[in-house]
């Protein structure tokens, strides 16, 4: 009986290690930290960015696996949501920039002006949609 639990622990830890290694490889490959430090001219804080991403992933894992509650209130939820949104936005834009999606789209759609407005519109639409869903004003369940 104990060997089954041990086997589950080993399989679960191996799967988690594989997934986290893939995520770290993705973040490293598309250069989220390097782009963030370069665009904000804060290269001296690159180590802090990496540490923050690692601690955020660890906290997300702990909150996902265990029933941990933190009494932070509505303001705390807004602040944490803001930081999560910033991270997701930086990740998405780094991925899009590294794959040159914006330039490919602009060339195929024959756009020469206004690309920044398209990107801003996409970002605002995703942000407003996420806000409406999380606030309960928009339901996906039907």
N, C-alpha and C. Protein backbone atom coordinates (compact mmCIF):
# COMPACT_ATOMS: atom_id res chain seq x y z
N UNK A 1 0.82 -1.20 0.00
CA UNK A 1 0.00 0.00 0.00
C UNK A 1 0.86 1.26 0.00
N UNK A 2 1.90 1.32 0.82
CA UNK A 2 2.75 2.50 0.89
C UNK A 2 3.51 2.73 -0.40
N UNK A 3 3.79 1.67 -1.13
CA UNK A 3 4.53 1.80 -2.38
C UNK A 3 3.68 2.46 -3.46
N UNK A 4 2.36 2.31 -3.36
CA UNK A 4 1.48 3.00 -4.32
C UNK A 4 1.51 4.51 -4.09
N UNK A 5 1.48 4.90 -2.84
CA UNK A 5 1.56 6.32 -2.50
C UNK A 5 2.92 6.87 -2.95
N UNK A 6 3.97 6.12 -2.69
CA UNK A 6 5.30 6.54 -3.11
C UNK A 6 5.38 6.67 -4.64
N UNK A 7 4.79 5.72 -5.35
CA UNK A 7 4.79 5.79 -6.81
C UNK A 7 4.03 7.02 -7.30
N UNK A 8 2.89 7.33 -6.67
CA UNK A 8 2.13 8.52 -7.04
C UNK A 8 2.92 9.80 -6.77
N UNK A 9 3.63 9.83 -5.65
CA UNK A 9 4.44 11.00 -5.33
C UNK A 9 5.54 11.18 -6.37
N UNK A 10 6.20 10.09 -6.74
CA UNK A 10 7.29 10.17 -7.73
C UNK A 10 6.74 10.59 -9.09
N UNK A 11 5.62 10.00 -9.51
CA UNK A 11 5.03 10.34 -10.80
C UNK A 11 4.56 11.80 -10.80
N UNK A 12 3.90 12.23 -9.73
CA UNK A 12 3.43 13.61 -9.64
C UNK A 12 4.57 14.61 -9.63
N UNK A 13 5.62 14.32 -8.86
CA UNK A 13 6.76 15.23 -8.81
C UNK A 13 7.48 15.27 -10.15
N UNK A 14 7.58 14.13 -10.82
CA UNK A 14 8.23 14.10 -12.14
C UNK A 14 7.43 14.90 -13.16
N UNK A 15 6.12 14.74 -13.14
CA UNK A 15 5.27 15.51 -14.05
C UNK A 15 5.35 17.00 -13.78
N UNK A 16 5.33 17.35 -12.51
CA UNK A 16 5.45 18.77 -12.14
C UNK A 16 6.79 19.35 -12.54
N UNK A 17 7.85 18.58 -12.36
CA UNK A 17 9.18 19.06 -12.77
C UNK A 17 9.25 19.25 -14.28
N UNK A 18 8.65 18.33 -15.03
CA UNK A 18 8.66 18.45 -16.49
C UNK A 18 7.88 19.68 -16.96
N UNK A 19 6.73 19.90 -16.37
CA UNK A 19 5.91 21.06 -16.76
C UNK A 19 6.61 22.36 -16.38
N UNK A 20 7.15 22.43 -15.17
CA UNK A 20 7.82 23.66 -14.76
C UNK A 20 9.08 23.91 -15.58
N UNK A 21 9.79 22.86 -15.94
CA UNK A 21 10.96 23.04 -16.80
C UNK A 21 10.55 23.56 -18.17
N UNK A 22 9.43 23.08 -18.68
CA UNK A 22 8.93 23.59 -19.96
C UNK A 22 8.54 25.05 -19.89
N UNK A 23 7.90 25.45 -18.81
CA UNK A 23 7.50 26.85 -18.66
C UNK A 23 8.72 27.76 -18.53
N UNK A 24 9.69 27.31 -17.73
CA UNK A 24 10.92 28.11 -17.59
C UNK A 24 11.64 28.20 -18.93
N UNK A 25 11.67 27.09 -19.67
CA UNK A 25 12.30 27.12 -20.99
C UNK A 25 11.58 28.07 -21.93
N UNK A 26 10.25 28.09 -21.89
CA UNK A 26 9.48 29.01 -22.72
C UNK A 26 9.78 30.46 -22.35
N UNK A 27 9.75 30.76 -21.06
CA UNK A 27 10.01 32.13 -20.61
C UNK A 27 11.43 32.55 -20.98
N UNK A 28 12.39 31.63 -20.85
CA UNK A 28 13.77 31.94 -21.19
C UNK A 28 13.94 32.10 -22.70
N UNK A 29 13.32 31.22 -23.46
CA UNK A 29 13.47 31.25 -24.92
C UNK A 29 12.91 32.52 -25.53
N UNK A 30 11.74 32.93 -25.09
CA UNK A 30 11.16 34.13 -25.68
C UNK A 30 11.73 35.40 -25.04
N UNK A 31 12.52 35.25 -23.99
CA UNK A 31 13.24 36.39 -23.43
C UNK A 31 12.40 37.39 -22.70
N UNK A 32 11.48 36.93 -21.88
CA UNK A 32 10.62 37.85 -21.13
C UNK A 32 11.45 38.76 -20.24
N UNK A 33 12.37 38.18 -19.47
CA UNK A 33 13.15 38.97 -18.53
C UNK A 33 14.07 39.93 -19.27
N UNK A 34 14.72 39.44 -20.31
CA UNK A 34 15.63 40.31 -21.07
C UNK A 34 14.88 41.45 -21.73
N UNK A 35 13.72 41.17 -22.31
CA UNK A 35 12.94 42.23 -22.97
C UNK A 35 12.41 43.23 -21.95
N UNK A 36 11.95 42.72 -20.80
CA UNK A 36 11.43 43.61 -19.77
C UNK A 36 12.53 44.53 -19.25
N UNK A 37 13.71 43.95 -18.99
CA UNK A 37 14.82 44.76 -18.51
C UNK A 37 15.30 45.74 -19.58
N UNK A 38 15.30 45.31 -20.83
CA UNK A 38 15.75 46.19 -21.91
C UNK A 38 14.80 47.33 -22.18
N UNK A 39 13.50 47.03 -22.22
CA UNK A 39 12.51 48.07 -22.52
C UNK A 39 12.36 49.08 -21.39
N UNK A 40 12.56 48.61 -20.16
CA UNK A 40 12.39 49.52 -19.02
C UNK A 40 13.72 50.12 -18.55
N UNK A 41 14.82 49.77 -19.23
CA UNK A 41 16.16 50.27 -18.90
C UNK A 41 16.53 49.98 -17.45
N UNK A 42 16.20 48.77 -17.00
CA UNK A 42 16.48 48.36 -15.63
C UNK A 42 17.23 47.03 -15.62
N UNK A 43 18.27 46.93 -16.41
CA UNK A 43 19.01 45.67 -16.52
C UNK A 43 19.64 45.26 -15.20
N UNK A 44 19.93 46.22 -14.34
CA UNK A 44 20.53 45.87 -13.05
C UNK A 44 19.56 45.13 -12.13
N UNK A 45 18.28 45.14 -12.46
CA UNK A 45 17.28 44.43 -11.65
C UNK A 45 16.83 43.12 -12.27
N UNK A 46 17.54 42.64 -13.28
CA UNK A 46 17.14 41.41 -13.97
C UNK A 46 17.08 40.23 -13.01
N UNK A 47 18.00 40.15 -12.08
CA UNK A 47 17.98 39.07 -11.10
C UNK A 47 16.73 39.13 -10.23
N UNK A 48 16.28 40.33 -9.91
CA UNK A 48 15.05 40.49 -9.13
C UNK A 48 13.83 40.04 -9.93
N UNK A 49 13.83 40.33 -11.23
CA UNK A 49 12.74 39.86 -12.09
C UNK A 49 12.67 38.34 -12.09
N UNK A 50 13.83 37.70 -12.25
CA UNK A 50 13.88 36.23 -12.27
C UNK A 50 13.42 35.65 -10.94
N UNK A 51 13.87 36.26 -9.84
CA UNK A 51 13.46 35.79 -8.52
C UNK A 51 11.95 35.96 -8.32
N UNK A 52 11.41 37.07 -8.78
CA UNK A 52 9.97 37.31 -8.64
C UNK A 52 9.16 36.30 -9.44
N UNK A 53 9.60 35.97 -10.65
CA UNK A 53 8.90 34.98 -11.46
C UNK A 53 8.94 33.62 -10.77
N UNK A 54 10.10 33.26 -10.22
CA UNK A 54 10.23 31.97 -9.53
C UNK A 54 9.35 31.92 -8.29
N UNK A 55 9.37 32.98 -7.48
CA UNK A 55 8.54 33.00 -6.28
C UNK A 55 7.05 33.03 -6.62
N UNK A 56 6.69 33.71 -7.69
CA UNK A 56 5.30 33.72 -8.13
C UNK A 56 4.83 32.34 -8.58
N UNK A 57 5.70 31.63 -9.30
CA UNK A 57 5.35 30.27 -9.72
C UNK A 57 5.22 29.35 -8.51
N UNK A 58 6.10 29.51 -7.54
CA UNK A 58 6.04 28.70 -6.33
C UNK A 58 4.76 29.00 -5.54
N UNK A 59 4.44 30.28 -5.40
CA UNK A 59 3.21 30.65 -4.68
C UNK A 59 1.98 30.14 -5.42
N UNK A 60 1.97 30.24 -6.74
CA UNK A 60 0.85 29.73 -7.52
C UNK A 60 0.67 28.24 -7.35
N UNK A 61 1.78 27.52 -7.30
CA UNK A 61 1.72 26.07 -7.09
C UNK A 61 1.16 25.75 -5.71
N UNK A 62 1.62 26.44 -4.71
CA UNK A 62 1.15 26.17 -3.34
C UNK A 62 -0.34 26.49 -3.22
N UNK A 63 -0.77 27.63 -3.79
CA UNK A 63 -2.18 28.00 -3.71
C UNK A 63 -3.06 27.07 -4.53
N UNK A 64 -2.50 26.46 -5.59
CA UNK A 64 -3.28 25.54 -6.41
C UNK A 64 -3.42 24.17 -5.76
N UNK A 65 -2.39 23.74 -5.05
CA UNK A 65 -2.39 22.38 -4.49
C UNK A 65 -3.02 22.29 -3.10
N UNK A 66 -2.85 23.31 -2.31
CA UNK A 66 -3.30 23.26 -0.93
C UNK A 66 -4.37 24.31 -0.67
N UNK A 67 -5.29 24.03 0.25
CA UNK A 67 -6.35 25.00 0.56
C UNK A 67 -5.83 26.13 1.45
N UNK A 68 -5.02 26.99 0.87
CA UNK A 68 -4.43 28.11 1.61
C UNK A 68 -5.28 29.35 1.35
N UNK A 69 -5.63 30.04 2.40
CA UNK A 69 -6.34 31.30 2.26
C UNK A 69 -5.53 32.41 2.90
N UNK A 70 -5.55 33.55 2.25
CA UNK A 70 -4.84 34.71 2.76
C UNK A 70 -5.84 35.86 2.82
N UNK A 71 -6.10 36.40 4.00
CA UNK A 71 -7.09 37.49 4.12
C UNK A 71 -6.51 38.82 3.63
N UNK A 72 -6.61 39.07 2.31
CA UNK A 72 -6.02 40.29 1.75
C UNK A 72 -7.07 41.32 1.36
N UNK A 73 -8.33 40.93 1.36
CA UNK A 73 -9.40 41.87 1.03
C UNK A 73 -9.50 42.15 -0.45
N UNK A 74 -10.46 42.99 -0.78
CA UNK A 74 -10.73 43.31 -2.18
C UNK A 74 -9.59 44.11 -2.81
N UNK A 75 -9.00 45.01 -2.04
CA UNK A 75 -7.89 45.81 -2.56
C UNK A 75 -6.69 44.90 -2.85
N UNK A 76 -6.42 43.95 -1.98
CA UNK A 76 -5.33 43.01 -2.21
C UNK A 76 -5.55 42.16 -3.44
N UNK A 77 -6.80 41.74 -3.66
CA UNK A 77 -7.12 40.96 -4.86
C UNK A 77 -6.91 41.81 -6.11
N UNK A 78 -7.29 43.08 -6.05
CA UNK A 78 -7.09 43.97 -7.19
C UNK A 78 -5.60 44.15 -7.48
N UNK A 79 -4.80 44.32 -6.45
CA UNK A 79 -3.35 44.50 -6.64
C UNK A 79 -2.72 43.23 -7.23
N UNK A 80 -3.06 42.09 -6.67
CA UNK A 80 -2.52 40.84 -7.19
C UNK A 80 -3.00 40.59 -8.62
N UNK A 81 -4.25 40.86 -8.89
CA UNK A 81 -4.77 40.73 -10.25
C UNK A 81 -4.05 41.65 -11.23
N UNK A 82 -3.72 42.84 -10.78
CA UNK A 82 -2.98 43.79 -11.62
C UNK A 82 -1.62 43.20 -11.98
N UNK A 83 -0.91 42.66 -10.98
CA UNK A 83 0.42 42.09 -11.25
C UNK A 83 0.33 40.86 -12.14
N UNK A 84 -0.68 40.04 -11.93
CA UNK A 84 -0.85 38.86 -12.80
C UNK A 84 -1.14 39.31 -14.22
N UNK A 85 -1.95 40.32 -14.37
CA UNK A 85 -2.25 40.85 -15.71
C UNK A 85 -1.01 41.42 -16.39
N UNK A 86 -0.19 42.11 -15.63
CA UNK A 86 1.06 42.63 -16.19
C UNK A 86 1.94 41.49 -16.67
N UNK A 87 2.07 40.45 -15.85
CA UNK A 87 2.91 39.32 -16.24
C UNK A 87 2.37 38.62 -17.49
N UNK A 88 1.07 38.37 -17.53
CA UNK A 88 0.48 37.70 -18.69
C UNK A 88 0.63 38.58 -19.93
N UNK A 89 0.44 39.87 -19.79
CA UNK A 89 0.61 40.78 -20.92
C UNK A 89 2.04 40.80 -21.44
N UNK A 90 3.00 40.87 -20.53
CA UNK A 90 4.41 40.85 -20.94
C UNK A 90 4.74 39.52 -21.60
N UNK A 91 4.25 38.43 -21.05
CA UNK A 91 4.51 37.11 -21.63
C UNK A 91 3.90 37.00 -23.03
N UNK A 92 2.67 37.43 -23.18
CA UNK A 92 2.01 37.36 -24.49
C UNK A 92 2.69 38.26 -25.51
N UNK A 93 3.03 39.47 -25.12
CA UNK A 93 3.67 40.37 -26.06
C UNK A 93 5.09 39.91 -26.40
N UNK A 94 5.80 39.34 -25.46
CA UNK A 94 7.13 38.81 -25.76
C UNK A 94 7.03 37.64 -26.73
N UNK A 95 6.05 36.79 -26.52
CA UNK A 95 5.85 35.67 -27.43
C UNK A 95 5.46 36.17 -28.82
N UNK A 96 4.57 37.12 -28.88
CA UNK A 96 4.15 37.67 -30.17
C UNK A 96 5.31 38.37 -30.87
N UNK A 97 6.11 39.09 -30.10
CA UNK A 97 7.24 39.81 -30.69
C UNK A 97 8.32 38.84 -31.16
N UNK A 98 8.56 37.79 -30.39
CA UNK A 98 9.60 36.84 -30.79
C UNK A 98 9.17 36.04 -32.01
N UNK A 99 7.90 35.83 -32.20
CA UNK A 99 7.42 35.11 -33.38
C UNK A 99 7.10 36.05 -34.54
N UNK A 100 7.29 37.34 -34.33
CA UNK A 100 7.04 38.35 -35.35
C UNK A 100 5.60 38.29 -35.87
N UNK A 101 4.67 37.99 -34.99
CA UNK A 101 3.28 37.88 -35.40
C UNK A 101 2.73 39.22 -35.86
N UNK A 102 3.09 40.27 -35.17
CA UNK A 102 2.56 41.58 -35.51
C UNK A 102 2.99 42.00 -36.91
N UNK A 103 4.26 41.81 -37.23
CA UNK A 103 4.73 42.21 -38.56
C UNK A 103 4.15 41.33 -39.65
N UNK A 104 3.99 40.04 -39.39
CA UNK A 104 3.38 39.14 -40.38
C UNK A 104 1.93 39.54 -40.63
N UNK A 105 1.21 39.82 -39.55
CA UNK A 105 -0.20 40.24 -39.69
C UNK A 105 -0.29 41.55 -40.44
N UNK A 106 0.56 42.49 -40.11
CA UNK A 106 0.52 43.80 -40.77
C UNK A 106 0.81 43.67 -42.27
N UNK A 107 1.76 42.82 -42.61
CA UNK A 107 2.09 42.64 -44.03
C UNK A 107 0.94 41.96 -44.77
N UNK A 108 0.35 40.93 -44.18
CA UNK A 108 -0.74 40.23 -44.85
C UNK A 108 -2.00 41.07 -44.96
N UNK A 109 -2.25 41.90 -43.94
CA UNK A 109 -3.43 42.76 -43.97
C UNK A 109 -3.16 44.07 -44.70
N UNK A 110 -1.93 44.24 -45.17
CA UNK A 110 -1.49 45.45 -45.89
C UNK A 110 -1.72 46.70 -45.04
N UNK A 111 -1.31 46.62 -43.79
CA UNK A 111 -1.40 47.77 -42.89
C UNK A 111 -0.07 48.50 -42.87
N UNK A 112 -0.12 49.79 -42.90
CA UNK A 112 1.12 50.56 -42.78
C UNK A 112 1.06 51.51 -41.59
N UNK A 113 -0.12 51.84 -41.15
CA UNK A 113 -0.29 52.74 -40.00
C UNK A 113 -1.31 52.14 -39.05
N UNK A 114 -1.19 52.48 -37.78
CA UNK A 114 -2.20 52.09 -36.81
C UNK A 114 -2.01 50.74 -36.16
N UNK A 115 -0.85 50.11 -36.35
CA UNK A 115 -0.62 48.80 -35.73
C UNK A 115 -0.63 48.92 -34.21
N UNK A 116 -0.09 50.02 -33.69
CA UNK A 116 -0.08 50.19 -32.23
C UNK A 116 -1.50 50.24 -31.68
N UNK A 117 -2.45 50.77 -32.45
CA UNK A 117 -3.83 50.83 -31.98
C UNK A 117 -4.47 49.43 -31.98
N UNK A 118 -4.07 48.61 -32.92
CA UNK A 118 -4.58 47.24 -32.96
C UNK A 118 -4.08 46.47 -31.74
N UNK A 119 -2.79 46.59 -31.45
CA UNK A 119 -2.22 45.90 -30.29
C UNK A 119 -2.85 46.42 -29.01
N UNK A 120 -3.02 47.74 -28.91
CA UNK A 120 -3.67 48.32 -27.73
C UNK A 120 -5.11 47.84 -27.59
N UNK A 121 -5.82 47.76 -28.70
CA UNK A 121 -7.20 47.27 -28.67
C UNK A 121 -7.29 45.82 -28.21
N UNK A 122 -6.38 44.99 -28.69
CA UNK A 122 -6.36 43.59 -28.25
C UNK A 122 -6.08 43.51 -26.75
N UNK A 123 -5.10 44.29 -26.29
CA UNK A 123 -4.76 44.25 -24.86
C UNK A 123 -5.92 44.75 -24.01
N UNK A 124 -6.54 45.85 -24.41
CA UNK A 124 -7.67 46.38 -23.64
C UNK A 124 -8.86 45.41 -23.67
N UNK A 125 -9.11 44.81 -24.81
CA UNK A 125 -10.21 43.84 -24.91
C UNK A 125 -10.01 42.65 -24.00
N UNK A 126 -8.78 42.14 -23.97
CA UNK A 126 -8.49 41.00 -23.08
C UNK A 126 -8.62 41.43 -21.62
N UNK A 127 -8.13 42.61 -21.32
CA UNK A 127 -8.21 43.09 -19.94
C UNK A 127 -9.64 43.32 -19.48
N UNK A 128 -10.43 43.95 -20.32
CA UNK A 128 -11.84 44.20 -19.96
C UNK A 128 -12.60 42.88 -19.86
N UNK A 129 -12.34 41.96 -20.78
CA UNK A 129 -12.99 40.65 -20.72
C UNK A 129 -12.64 39.89 -19.46
N UNK A 130 -11.36 39.92 -19.08
CA UNK A 130 -10.95 39.25 -17.85
C UNK A 130 -11.60 39.90 -16.63
N UNK A 131 -11.66 41.23 -16.62
CA UNK A 131 -12.30 41.93 -15.51
C UNK A 131 -13.77 41.56 -15.40
N UNK A 132 -14.47 41.56 -16.52
CA UNK A 132 -15.90 41.23 -16.50
C UNK A 132 -16.14 39.80 -16.05
N UNK A 133 -15.27 38.89 -16.50
CA UNK A 133 -15.43 37.49 -16.09
C UNK A 133 -15.15 37.32 -14.61
N UNK A 134 -14.06 37.90 -14.13
CA UNK A 134 -13.70 37.73 -12.72
C UNK A 134 -14.63 38.48 -11.78
N UNK A 135 -15.24 39.55 -12.24
CA UNK A 135 -16.15 40.30 -11.39
C UNK A 135 -17.54 39.66 -11.33
N UNK A 136 -17.77 38.68 -12.18
CA UNK A 136 -19.05 38.00 -12.18
C UNK A 136 -20.09 38.61 -13.11
N UNK A 137 -19.71 39.67 -13.80
CA UNK A 137 -20.65 40.32 -14.73
C UNK A 137 -20.78 39.55 -16.04
N UNK A 138 -19.81 38.70 -16.33
CA UNK A 138 -19.82 37.90 -17.54
C UNK A 138 -19.66 36.44 -17.14
N UNK A 139 -20.58 35.61 -17.53
CA UNK A 139 -20.53 34.22 -17.15
C UNK A 139 -20.31 33.36 -18.38
N UNK A 140 -19.39 32.41 -18.28
CA UNK A 140 -19.11 31.49 -19.39
C UNK A 140 -19.98 30.26 -19.28
N UNK A 141 -20.53 30.00 -18.13
CA UNK A 141 -21.27 28.77 -17.89
C UNK A 141 -22.60 28.71 -18.63
N UNK A 142 -23.06 29.78 -19.13
CA UNK A 142 -24.30 29.72 -19.90
C UNK A 142 -25.29 30.63 -19.38
